[in-house]
Protein backbone atom coordinates (compact mmCIF):
# COMPACT_ATOMS: atom_id res chain seq x y z
CA MET A 1 -8.65 89.98 153.36
CA SER A 2 -6.70 91.95 150.76
CA VAL A 3 -3.05 92.24 149.91
CA VAL A 4 -1.37 95.60 149.30
CA LEU A 5 1.99 95.73 147.56
CA LYS A 6 4.77 97.83 149.06
CA PRO A 7 7.66 99.29 147.04
CA ASP A 8 10.53 96.92 146.25
CA VAL A 9 13.18 96.72 148.89
CA ALA A 10 16.81 97.30 148.02
CA ASP A 11 18.71 94.49 146.38
CA HIS A 12 21.19 92.73 148.63
CA PRO A 13 22.79 89.30 148.95
CA SER A 14 20.95 86.25 150.13
CA VAL A 15 22.43 83.84 152.67
CA ILE A 16 21.67 80.25 153.45
CA SER A 17 23.19 77.89 155.99
CA THR A 18 22.52 74.28 156.75
CA HIS A 19 22.95 75.12 160.45
CA SER A 20 20.24 77.69 161.13
CA SER A 21 20.08 79.63 164.38
CA SER A 22 17.67 82.21 165.68
CA SER A 23 20.44 84.71 166.41
CA SER A 24 21.92 84.65 162.90
CA GLN A 25 18.44 84.88 161.40
CA LYS A 26 17.67 87.86 163.62
CA VAL A 27 20.83 89.63 162.49
CA LYS A 28 19.98 88.84 158.89
CA ASN A 29 16.47 90.26 159.26
CA GLU A 30 17.76 93.40 160.98
CA GLU A 31 20.31 93.92 158.19
CA SER A 32 17.56 93.49 155.61
CA LYS A 33 15.37 96.03 157.39
CA ASP A 34 18.15 98.61 157.53
CA LEU A 35 19.17 98.13 153.91
CA ALA A 36 15.60 98.57 152.74
CA PHE A 37 15.97 102.32 153.37
CA VAL A 38 19.40 102.71 151.78
CA ASP A 39 19.56 103.30 148.06
CA VAL A 40 21.63 105.15 145.51
CA PRO A 41 19.68 108.15 144.20
CA ALA A 42 18.55 107.91 140.60
CA LYS A 43 20.64 109.82 138.08
CA PRO A 44 20.23 110.72 134.41
CA ALA A 45 21.32 108.02 131.97
CA SER A 46 24.26 110.18 130.88
CA ALA A 47 25.72 109.84 134.37
CA TYR A 48 26.35 106.15 133.73
CA LEU A 49 28.10 106.54 130.39
CA THR A 50 31.50 105.89 131.96
CA VAL A 51 30.52 102.65 133.66
CA CYS A 52 28.82 101.43 130.48
CA VAL A 53 31.99 101.99 128.45
CA LEU A 54 34.15 100.34 131.12
CA CYS A 55 31.83 97.34 131.32
CA LEU A 56 32.08 96.94 127.55
CA PHE A 57 35.84 96.60 127.98
CA VAL A 58 35.23 93.77 130.44
CA ALA A 59 32.54 92.22 128.24
CA PHE A 60 35.14 91.96 125.49
CA GLY A 61 36.08 88.68 127.16
CA GLY A 62 32.99 87.27 125.45
CA PHE A 63 34.42 88.32 122.09
CA VAL A 64 37.45 86.08 122.69
CA PHE A 65 35.16 83.08 123.24
CA GLY A 66 33.00 83.91 120.22
CA TRP A 67 36.04 84.36 117.99
CA ASP A 68 37.14 80.78 118.64
CA THR A 69 33.67 79.44 117.89
CA GLY A 70 33.47 81.41 114.64
CA THR A 71 36.92 80.54 113.31
CA ILE A 72 37.20 76.83 114.15
CA SER A 73 34.20 75.99 111.95
CA GLY A 74 36.14 77.32 108.95
CA PHE A 75 39.53 75.89 109.90
CA VAL A 76 38.37 72.28 109.59
CA ASN A 77 37.41 72.94 105.95
CA GLN A 78 40.49 74.89 104.83
CA SER A 79 42.93 73.18 102.47
CA ASP A 80 46.18 74.12 104.23
CA PHE A 81 44.80 73.19 107.65
CA LEU A 82 43.69 69.79 106.33
CA ARG A 83 47.02 69.23 104.56
CA ARG A 84 48.98 69.92 107.76
CA PHE A 85 46.79 68.23 110.35
CA GLY A 86 44.73 65.79 108.29
CA GLN A 87 45.50 62.54 106.52
CA LEU A 88 46.14 61.70 102.87
CA ARG A 89 43.18 59.86 101.40
CA SER A 90 43.16 57.26 98.65
CA ASP A 91 41.87 59.81 96.13
CA GLY A 92 44.88 62.07 96.72
CA THR A 93 43.04 64.68 98.81
CA TYR A 94 43.58 65.51 102.45
CA GLY A 95 40.95 65.24 105.15
CA MET A 96 40.48 64.67 108.84
CA SER A 97 38.81 61.63 110.32
CA ASN A 98 35.60 62.12 112.27
CA ALA A 99 37.46 61.37 115.50
CA ARG A 100 40.22 63.89 114.83
CA THR A 101 37.78 66.57 113.67
CA GLY A 102 35.60 66.05 116.73
CA LEU A 103 38.55 66.22 119.11
CA VAL A 104 40.10 69.33 117.55
CA VAL A 105 36.77 71.18 117.59
CA SER A 106 35.41 70.07 120.95
CA ILE A 107 38.41 69.65 123.28
CA PHE A 108 38.34 73.43 123.73
CA ASN A 109 35.19 72.94 125.84
CA ILE A 110 36.97 70.59 128.25
CA GLY A 111 39.66 73.21 128.76
CA CYS A 112 36.94 75.80 129.40
CA ALA A 113 35.22 73.57 131.97
CA ILE A 114 38.46 73.06 133.91
CA GLY A 115 39.50 76.70 133.59
CA GLY A 116 36.12 77.94 134.78
CA ILE A 117 36.37 75.90 137.97
CA VAL A 118 40.11 76.19 138.72
CA LEU A 119 41.44 79.44 137.23
CA SER A 120 38.42 81.55 138.19
CA LYS A 121 39.65 81.29 141.80
CA LEU A 122 42.37 83.79 140.83
CA GLY A 123 39.63 86.42 140.97
CA ASP A 124 39.09 85.72 144.67
CA MET A 125 42.81 85.56 145.42
CA TYR A 126 44.12 88.61 143.55
CA GLY A 127 41.03 90.54 142.48
CA ARG A 128 38.85 90.38 139.39
CA ARG A 129 41.09 92.62 137.25
CA ILE A 130 44.34 90.81 138.00
CA GLY A 131 42.54 87.49 137.68
CA LEU A 132 41.32 88.44 134.20
CA MET A 133 44.82 89.48 133.17
CA CYS A 134 46.22 86.14 134.38
CA VAL A 135 43.67 83.99 132.54
CA THR A 136 44.17 86.11 129.41
CA LEU A 137 47.88 85.26 129.61
CA VAL A 138 46.98 81.55 129.78
CA TYR A 139 44.84 82.07 126.69
CA VAL A 140 47.79 83.66 124.86
CA VAL A 141 50.02 80.69 125.71
CA GLY A 142 47.44 78.40 124.13
CA ILE A 143 47.35 80.52 120.97
CA VAL A 144 51.17 80.43 120.73
CA ILE A 145 51.09 76.62 120.88
CA GLN A 146 48.46 76.49 118.13
CA ILE A 147 49.97 79.02 115.77
CA SER A 148 53.44 77.46 116.02
CA SER A 149 52.09 74.05 114.98
CA THR A 150 53.43 72.91 111.62
CA ASP A 151 52.24 69.39 110.95
CA LYS A 152 51.55 67.80 114.36
CA TRP A 153 47.81 67.74 114.97
CA TYR A 154 48.30 66.82 118.62
CA GLN A 155 50.31 70.03 119.21
CA TYR A 156 47.39 72.03 117.87
CA PHE A 157 45.11 69.87 120.02
CA ILE A 158 47.11 70.71 123.18
CA GLY A 159 47.04 74.40 122.28
CA ARG A 160 43.23 74.26 122.11
CA ILE A 161 43.09 72.78 125.60
CA VAL A 162 45.36 75.51 127.02
CA SER A 163 43.50 78.36 125.32
CA GLY A 164 40.28 76.78 126.59
CA LEU A 165 41.61 77.00 130.15
CA GLY A 166 42.04 80.74 129.69
CA VAL A 167 38.65 81.28 128.07
CA GLY A 168 36.97 79.27 130.84
CA GLY A 169 38.44 81.63 133.42
CA ILE A 170 37.43 84.65 131.34
CA ALA A 171 33.87 83.30 131.01
CA VAL A 172 33.49 83.33 134.80
CA LEU A 173 35.41 86.49 135.74
CA SER A 174 34.14 88.84 133.01
CA PRO A 175 30.41 88.62 133.91
CA MET A 176 31.37 88.60 137.60
CA LEU A 177 33.30 91.87 137.34
CA ILE A 178 30.53 93.47 135.28
CA SER A 179 27.83 92.48 137.77
CA GLU A 180 29.87 93.77 140.72
CA THR A 181 30.83 97.06 139.07
CA SER A 182 27.66 98.14 137.27
CA PRO A 183 24.69 99.98 138.85
CA LYS A 184 22.01 97.49 139.88
CA HIS A 185 19.31 98.87 137.57
CA LEU A 186 21.68 98.50 134.59
CA ARG A 187 23.13 95.17 135.69
CA GLY A 188 20.96 92.92 133.54
CA THR A 189 21.61 94.96 130.41
CA LEU A 190 25.35 95.27 130.99
CA VAL A 191 25.83 91.59 131.81
CA SER A 192 23.90 90.79 128.63
CA CYS A 193 26.57 92.74 126.75
CA TYR A 194 28.86 89.78 127.44
CA GLN A 195 26.58 87.63 125.28
CA LEU A 196 26.48 90.42 122.70
CA MET A 197 30.26 90.34 122.46
CA ILE A 198 30.19 86.55 122.03
CA THR A 199 27.95 86.95 118.99
CA ALA A 200 30.17 89.75 117.65
CA GLY A 201 33.18 87.44 117.94
CA ILE A 202 31.38 84.62 116.13
CA PHE A 203 30.32 86.97 113.31
CA LEU A 204 33.75 88.54 112.80
CA GLY A 205 35.36 85.10 113.03
CA TYR A 206 33.18 83.99 110.12
CA CYS A 207 34.13 87.13 108.18
CA THR A 208 37.84 86.55 108.73
CA ASN A 209 37.59 82.96 107.50
CA TYR A 210 35.86 84.25 104.39
CA GLY A 211 38.65 86.77 103.84
CA THR A 212 41.48 84.24 104.17
CA LYS A 213 39.95 81.27 102.32
CA LYS A 214 41.29 82.48 98.96
CA HIS A 215 44.84 81.85 100.14
CA SER A 216 46.37 78.41 99.73
CA ASP A 217 48.97 78.52 102.49
CA ALA A 218 49.01 78.88 106.29
CA VAL A 219 47.58 82.40 105.97
CA GLN A 220 44.18 80.67 105.88
CA TRP A 221 44.27 79.82 109.58
CA ARG A 222 47.31 81.58 111.06
CA VAL A 223 45.98 85.08 110.38
CA PRO A 224 42.76 84.46 112.36
CA LEU A 225 44.84 82.91 115.14
CA GLY A 226 47.32 85.81 115.03
CA LEU A 227 44.50 88.29 115.56
CA CYS A 228 43.90 86.58 118.91
CA PHE A 229 47.01 88.39 120.18
CA VAL A 230 45.32 91.69 119.33
CA TRP A 231 42.19 90.70 121.25
CA ALA A 232 44.30 89.64 124.24
CA ALA A 233 46.20 92.94 124.20
CA PHE A 234 42.89 94.80 124.06
CA MET A 235 41.68 92.83 127.08
CA VAL A 236 44.80 93.62 129.12
CA ALA A 237 44.70 97.30 128.12
CA GLY A 238 41.05 97.44 129.10
CA MET A 239 41.79 95.95 132.51
CA ALA A 240 44.26 98.80 133.13
CA MET A 241 41.39 101.29 132.80
CA VAL A 242 38.60 99.34 134.49
CA PRO A 243 38.13 99.87 138.25
CA GLU A 244 38.42 96.87 140.55
CA SER A 245 35.25 95.31 141.89
CA PRO A 246 34.16 97.36 144.92
CA ARG A 247 32.80 94.19 146.47
CA TYR A 248 36.20 92.48 146.30
CA LEU A 249 37.88 95.60 147.73
CA VAL A 250 35.47 95.64 150.68
CA GLU A 251 36.11 91.93 151.28
CA VAL A 252 39.85 92.65 151.62
CA ASN A 253 39.15 95.75 153.77
CA LYS A 254 40.27 98.31 151.20
CA ILE A 255 37.36 100.64 151.86
CA GLU A 256 38.87 103.82 150.40
CA GLU A 257 39.77 102.03 147.18
CA ALA A 258 36.24 100.63 147.06
CA LYS A 259 34.85 104.16 147.34
CA ARG A 260 37.19 105.33 144.61
CA SER A 261 36.09 102.45 142.37
CA LEU A 262 32.40 103.22 142.87
CA ALA A 263 32.94 106.93 142.34
CA ARG A 264 34.84 106.29 139.13
CA SER A 265 32.22 103.88 137.81
CA ASN A 266 29.35 106.26 138.54
CA LYS A 267 31.26 109.43 137.64
CA VAL A 268 30.60 111.15 140.97
CA SER A 269 32.72 112.46 143.82
CA MET A 270 33.96 110.09 146.52
CA GLU A 271 32.15 112.34 149.03
CA ASP A 272 28.82 111.85 147.29
CA PRO A 273 26.29 110.41 149.81
CA SER A 274 25.29 107.72 147.33
CA ILE A 275 28.82 106.29 147.41
CA GLN A 276 28.78 105.87 151.18
CA ALA A 277 25.28 104.38 150.95
CA GLU A 278 26.47 101.77 148.47
CA ILE A 279 29.58 101.01 150.54
CA ASP A 280 27.36 100.49 153.59
CA ARG A 281 25.22 98.08 151.61
CA ILE A 282 28.22 96.08 150.40
CA GLN A 283 29.78 95.98 153.87
CA ALA A 284 26.53 94.70 155.37
CA GLY A 285 26.29 91.98 152.73
CA VAL A 286 29.91 90.92 153.25
CA GLU A 287 29.41 90.81 157.02
CA ILE A 288 26.35 88.58 156.66
CA GLU A 289 28.39 86.20 154.51
CA ARG A 290 31.19 86.12 157.07
CA MET A 291 28.76 85.31 159.87
CA ALA A 292 27.32 82.46 157.83
CA GLY A 293 30.79 81.00 157.30
CA THR A 294 32.36 79.37 154.29
CA ALA A 295 30.06 77.11 152.32
CA SER A 296 31.19 73.52 151.92
CA TRP A 297 30.79 71.37 148.83
CA GLY A 298 28.54 69.13 150.90
CA GLU A 299 25.95 71.90 151.19
CA LEU A 300 25.30 71.56 147.48
CA PHE A 301 23.55 68.28 148.25
CA SER A 302 21.30 69.64 150.98
CA THR A 303 17.65 68.96 150.19
CA LYS A 304 16.51 70.62 153.42
CA THR A 305 17.70 74.03 152.22
CA LYS A 306 16.62 73.17 148.65
CA VAL A 307 20.08 73.93 147.31
CA PHE A 308 20.32 70.48 145.75
CA GLN A 309 17.03 70.98 143.92
CA ARG A 310 18.35 74.26 142.57
CA LEU A 311 21.66 72.68 141.60
CA ILE A 312 19.82 70.07 139.54
CA MET A 313 17.77 72.82 137.92
CA GLY A 314 20.92 74.82 137.12
CA ILE A 315 22.63 71.78 135.59
CA MET A 316 19.52 70.98 133.54
CA VAL A 317 19.07 74.52 132.22
CA GLN A 318 22.74 74.78 131.24
CA SER A 319 22.69 71.31 129.66
CA LEU A 320 19.47 71.98 127.76
CA GLN A 321 20.94 75.18 126.36
CA GLN A 322 23.55 73.05 124.59
CA LEU A 323 20.98 70.41 123.66
CA THR A 324 19.00 72.99 121.70
CA GLY A 325 21.53 72.11 118.99
CA ILE A 326 22.97 75.60 118.55
CA ASN A 327 26.59 74.43 118.33
CA TYR A 328 25.61 71.99 115.61
CA PHE A 329 25.36 75.12 113.46
CA PHE A 330 28.13 77.22 115.03
CA TYR A 331 30.83 74.53 115.04
CA TYR A 332 29.91 72.86 111.76
CA GLY A 333 28.00 75.57 109.90
CA THR A 334 30.47 75.73 107.03
CA THR A 335 30.40 71.94 106.67
CA ILE A 336 26.59 71.77 106.88
CA PHE A 337 25.96 74.32 104.17
CA LYS A 338 28.61 72.87 101.91
CA SER A 339 26.60 69.64 102.06
CA VAL A 340 23.35 71.37 101.05
CA GLY A 341 24.93 72.55 97.82
CA MET A 342 25.85 76.14 98.68
CA GLU A 343 28.47 77.47 96.27
CA ASP A 344 30.12 79.48 99.05
CA SER A 345 29.26 78.07 102.47
CA TYR A 346 31.48 80.70 104.12
CA GLN A 347 29.08 83.42 102.96
CA THR A 348 26.18 81.51 104.47
CA SER A 349 28.01 81.33 107.80
CA ILE A 350 28.43 85.11 107.70
CA VAL A 351 24.67 85.52 107.20
CA LEU A 352 24.04 83.32 110.25
CA GLY A 353 26.57 85.37 112.21
CA VAL A 354 24.77 88.60 111.32
CA VAL A 355 21.42 87.14 112.42
CA ASN A 356 22.94 85.92 115.68
CA PHE A 357 24.61 89.27 116.43
CA ALA A 358 21.60 91.43 115.57
CA SER A 359 19.20 89.20 117.50
CA THR A 360 21.18 89.64 120.71
CA PHE A 361 20.15 93.30 120.81
CA VAL A 362 16.55 92.08 120.99
CA ALA A 363 17.49 89.74 123.84
CA ILE A 364 18.78 92.64 125.94
CA TYR A 365 15.26 94.09 125.77
CA VAL A 366 13.08 91.00 126.19
CA VAL A 367 14.89 89.44 129.17
CA ASP A 368 13.48 92.04 131.58
CA LYS A 369 10.38 92.95 129.59
CA PHE A 370 8.69 89.54 129.36
CA GLY A 371 10.40 87.53 132.08
CA ARG A 372 12.64 84.49 132.07
CA ARG A 373 10.05 81.69 131.89
CA LYS A 374 8.04 83.13 129.01
CA CYS A 375 11.13 83.76 126.92
CA LEU A 376 12.52 80.27 127.50
CA LEU A 377 9.16 78.67 126.69
CA TRP A 378 8.69 80.73 123.53
CA GLY A 379 12.27 80.04 122.48
CA ALA A 380 12.00 76.27 122.94
CA ALA A 381 8.73 76.11 121.00
CA ALA A 382 9.98 78.28 118.13
CA MET A 383 13.28 76.39 117.82
CA ALA A 384 11.47 73.03 117.82
CA VAL A 385 9.31 74.16 114.89
CA CYS A 386 12.33 75.47 112.97
CA MET A 387 14.35 72.32 113.64
CA VAL A 388 11.63 69.91 112.49
CA ILE A 389 11.22 71.86 109.24
CA PHE A 390 15.00 72.03 108.73
CA ALA A 391 15.40 68.29 109.33
CA SER A 392 12.35 67.27 107.28
CA ILE A 393 13.49 69.20 104.22
CA GLY A 394 17.01 67.83 104.60
CA VAL A 395 15.71 64.28 104.80
CA THR A 396 13.00 64.36 102.11
CA LYS A 397 13.75 67.18 99.64
CA LEU A 398 17.46 67.97 99.65
CA TRP A 399 18.59 65.06 97.48
CA PRO A 400 15.60 64.17 95.24
CA ASN A 401 17.78 61.92 93.06
CA GLY A 402 19.80 60.34 95.85
CA ASP A 403 22.53 61.67 98.12
CA ASP A 404 25.19 60.86 95.52
CA GLN A 405 23.62 63.43 93.18
CA PRO A 406 23.70 67.26 93.36
CA ALA A 407 21.55 68.79 96.10
CA SER A 408 18.39 70.78 95.37
CA LYS A 409 19.29 74.45 95.60
CA SER A 410 15.73 75.53 96.47
CA ALA A 411 15.58 73.02 99.32
CA GLY A 412 18.97 74.20 100.55
CA ASN A 413 17.80 77.83 100.51
CA ILE A 414 14.71 76.95 102.56
CA MET A 415 16.92 75.15 105.08
CA ILE A 416 19.08 78.27 105.43
CA VAL A 417 16.00 80.46 105.97
CA PHE A 418 14.74 78.26 108.80
CA THR A 419 18.23 78.09 110.25
CA CYS A 420 18.11 81.89 110.47
CA PHE A 421 14.72 81.74 112.22
CA TYR A 422 16.15 79.12 114.57
CA ILE A 423 19.20 81.24 115.44
CA PHE A 424 16.99 84.30 116.00
CA SER A 425 14.85 82.27 118.41
CA PHE A 426 17.93 81.03 120.27
CA ALA A 427 19.77 84.35 120.43
CA THR A 428 16.76 86.22 121.82
CA THR A 429 15.91 83.66 124.50
CA TRP A 430 18.10 80.74 125.55
CA ALA A 431 21.45 82.34 124.70
CA PRO A 432 21.47 84.94 127.52
CA ILE A 433 18.62 83.77 129.76
CA ALA A 434 20.05 80.36 130.64
CA TYR A 435 22.93 82.19 132.35
CA VAL A 436 20.63 84.76 133.95
CA ILE A 437 18.46 82.02 135.49
CA VAL A 438 21.46 80.28 137.03
CA ALA A 439 22.98 83.53 138.31
CA GLU A 440 19.74 84.49 140.07
CA THR A 441 18.93 81.12 141.61
CA PHE A 442 21.63 80.31 144.17
CA PRO A 443 22.30 81.89 147.58
CA LEU A 444 25.37 84.11 147.39
CA ARG A 445 27.59 82.16 149.79
CA ILE A 446 27.30 79.00 147.72
CA LYS A 447 26.79 80.61 144.33
CA SER A 448 30.37 80.28 143.03
CA LYS A 449 30.48 76.52 143.65
CA ALA A 450 26.99 75.88 142.30
CA MET A 451 27.50 78.04 139.22
CA ALA A 452 30.85 76.37 138.53
CA ILE A 453 29.18 72.95 138.42
CA ALA A 454 26.21 74.17 136.36
CA THR A 455 28.48 75.95 133.88
CA ALA A 456 30.77 72.91 133.67
CA ALA A 457 27.72 70.90 132.56
CA ASN A 458 27.32 73.36 129.69
CA TRP A 459 30.95 72.99 128.61
CA ILE A 460 30.83 69.18 128.87
CA TRP A 461 27.73 68.97 126.68
CA GLY A 462 29.45 71.34 124.26
CA PHE A 463 32.33 68.89 124.09
CA LEU A 464 30.05 65.89 123.56
CA ILE A 465 28.08 67.59 120.78
CA GLY A 466 31.24 68.89 119.13
CA PHE A 467 32.95 65.50 119.27
CA PHE A 468 30.11 63.20 118.24
CA THR A 469 28.44 65.39 115.60
CA PRO A 470 30.78 64.29 112.74
CA PHE A 471 30.03 60.62 113.51
CA ILE A 472 26.28 61.18 113.84
CA THR A 473 25.89 63.29 110.71
CA THR A 474 27.86 60.72 108.72
CA ALA A 475 25.51 57.98 109.91
CA ILE A 476 22.09 59.65 109.87
CA LYS A 477 22.68 62.98 108.08
CA PHE A 478 19.82 65.44 108.66
CA TYR A 479 17.82 63.02 110.79
CA TYR A 480 20.08 64.50 113.47
CA GLY A 481 17.74 67.49 113.57
CA TYR A 482 14.96 65.32 114.98
CA VAL A 483 17.19 64.53 117.98
CA PHE A 484 17.43 68.23 118.80
CA MET A 485 13.70 68.68 118.13
CA GLY A 486 12.97 66.05 120.78
CA SER A 487 15.33 67.78 123.19
CA LEU A 488 13.59 71.11 122.61
CA ILE A 489 10.16 69.59 123.30
CA PHE A 490 11.54 68.15 126.53
CA SER A 491 13.04 71.58 127.35
CA PHE A 492 9.64 73.24 126.98
CA PHE A 493 8.02 70.95 129.53
CA TYR A 494 11.01 71.05 131.87
CA ILE A 495 10.94 74.86 131.99
CA PHE A 496 7.18 74.86 132.55
CA PHE A 497 7.21 72.39 135.45
CA PHE A 498 10.55 73.07 137.16
CA VAL A 499 11.88 76.60 136.51
CA PRO A 500 10.32 79.48 138.52
CA GLU A 501 10.19 83.10 137.41
CA THR A 502 12.87 85.31 139.03
CA LYS A 503 12.20 88.56 137.18
CA GLY A 504 12.08 91.59 139.48
CA LEU A 505 13.11 89.68 142.62
CA THR A 506 16.09 90.36 144.86
CA LEU A 507 18.34 87.43 145.75
CA GLU A 508 16.69 87.23 149.16
CA GLU A 509 13.22 87.14 147.62
CA VAL A 510 14.31 84.31 145.32
CA GLU A 511 15.49 82.44 148.42
CA GLU A 512 12.15 83.12 150.11
CA MET A 513 10.23 81.82 147.10
CA TRP A 514 12.20 78.56 147.09
CA GLN A 515 11.73 78.07 150.82
CA GLU A 516 7.98 78.60 150.49
CA GLY A 517 7.85 75.88 147.82
CA VAL A 518 6.08 78.00 145.23
CA LEU A 519 5.08 75.97 142.19
CA PRO A 520 7.02 77.19 139.11
CA TRP A 521 3.90 77.69 136.97
CA LYS A 522 2.43 79.88 139.72
CA SER A 523 5.64 81.80 140.44
CA THR A 524 4.71 84.75 138.22
CA GLU A 525 1.82 85.52 140.59
CA TRP A 526 3.85 85.11 143.77
CA VAL A 527 4.40 88.20 145.96
CA PRO A 528 7.29 88.35 148.48
CA ALA A 529 6.33 88.76 152.13
CA SER A 530 8.20 92.07 152.27
CA ARG A 531 5.69 93.53 149.81
CA ARG A 532 2.55 92.11 151.44
CA VAL A 533 0.43 93.94 153.98
CA VAL A 534 -2.63 92.14 155.32
CA GLN A 535 -5.59 94.42 155.97
């Protein structure tokens, strides 16, 4: 008996229901069979230039998130910021307590978690474009509250929560609009551009902090915050040029507008046969969803359909991404490298930002070249090695004459080098792929709810790490690195035993693989039934 592989079938949504019936399954199979012969003809790469540019406008939402991450690490070390929002110490200097520092830095993540679950619904109610404009407005309100703060730290704190609400909504709606607007064979690359923009925001945030640190007044932190209005205006202007999601337009029965959106994205005529083919595909997928009905929150806990198992996996992958320790460096990079004796820790942060940004270009290539599992395994192993070296040098070599004496510059330089290796390993693997895994795992009709919970886990862990890091580093200093090393070792084994490979599979094939109970470490060899012919 031999197995012959058939060409891949067309990509279309997967459906799952806790109440299965032979009739609905028959309809689903018939739809799948029909769609297998419908595809958009291949075009030269130049034909997709327009959609690539438009998707970059949408991906700019990631820049807004990255900008906050890059700037806040500098704010908590700037003299004017500390004088306004800190406390006068006995030695006459100003500083912030560990609790206040942790809250100011990390509360943003709680706002993001709430915004991602609540405000992202605006995209279903009013469309992805209008939804993005609305959450951007919420973000602007948060910036206004922060920038108008004079000496009340809790006002700044509230502003961070509000801006987090907006960024949480952006973090859901931006990748969603990109994935629903871009051609399917460019989807992975274009969605990865969202992560690229995050790293660009972090890098330029570091650069701006470096440029304003020479000032001694509110320019230090109000200029970076003021630039947020420019980014918000850019987002809104971009939304005016970006076509609405054709999928959303089909869902609200605006078929002609959906055709116009597809034609504009692909730079072809509305009468082009490929446009009607794509509209037919979307309509069929929407109809299947409608027949299956609205998914309930209770379905998330169904073990029979294996949704619950996937939910746990999604939560774990998102949580472990934070537990790699990446935000230990991004949130407190300036503080960390000041402690290792760097004369200008802001410059060091810029170097890390460059490494992070440049490495993301590599990630866009490797995610589809080597597969999800391999990249996550390699990334966890490489980061664990870098973290143990970083921590060991910090513990044993950084202060040879005691931690009350000047730090060893050579030891500090070695720590920076391995931090760069660590960030390269993260940016090329876990940074984008954790989101890709979650996006490809859940059936479409329950995906929004499941992804909201999984992503919320990421934000919550971001809050916990951001809040507790000042306390932990005060108590155990660079021994903290061993905590993340242990987490990375656990991550390696978790990925190996529990996360299957989804590279090259349609959503329906991913569903089929889960229902067949394929062991994750054998998933790379698994062949979908639609591509098997028994001879």
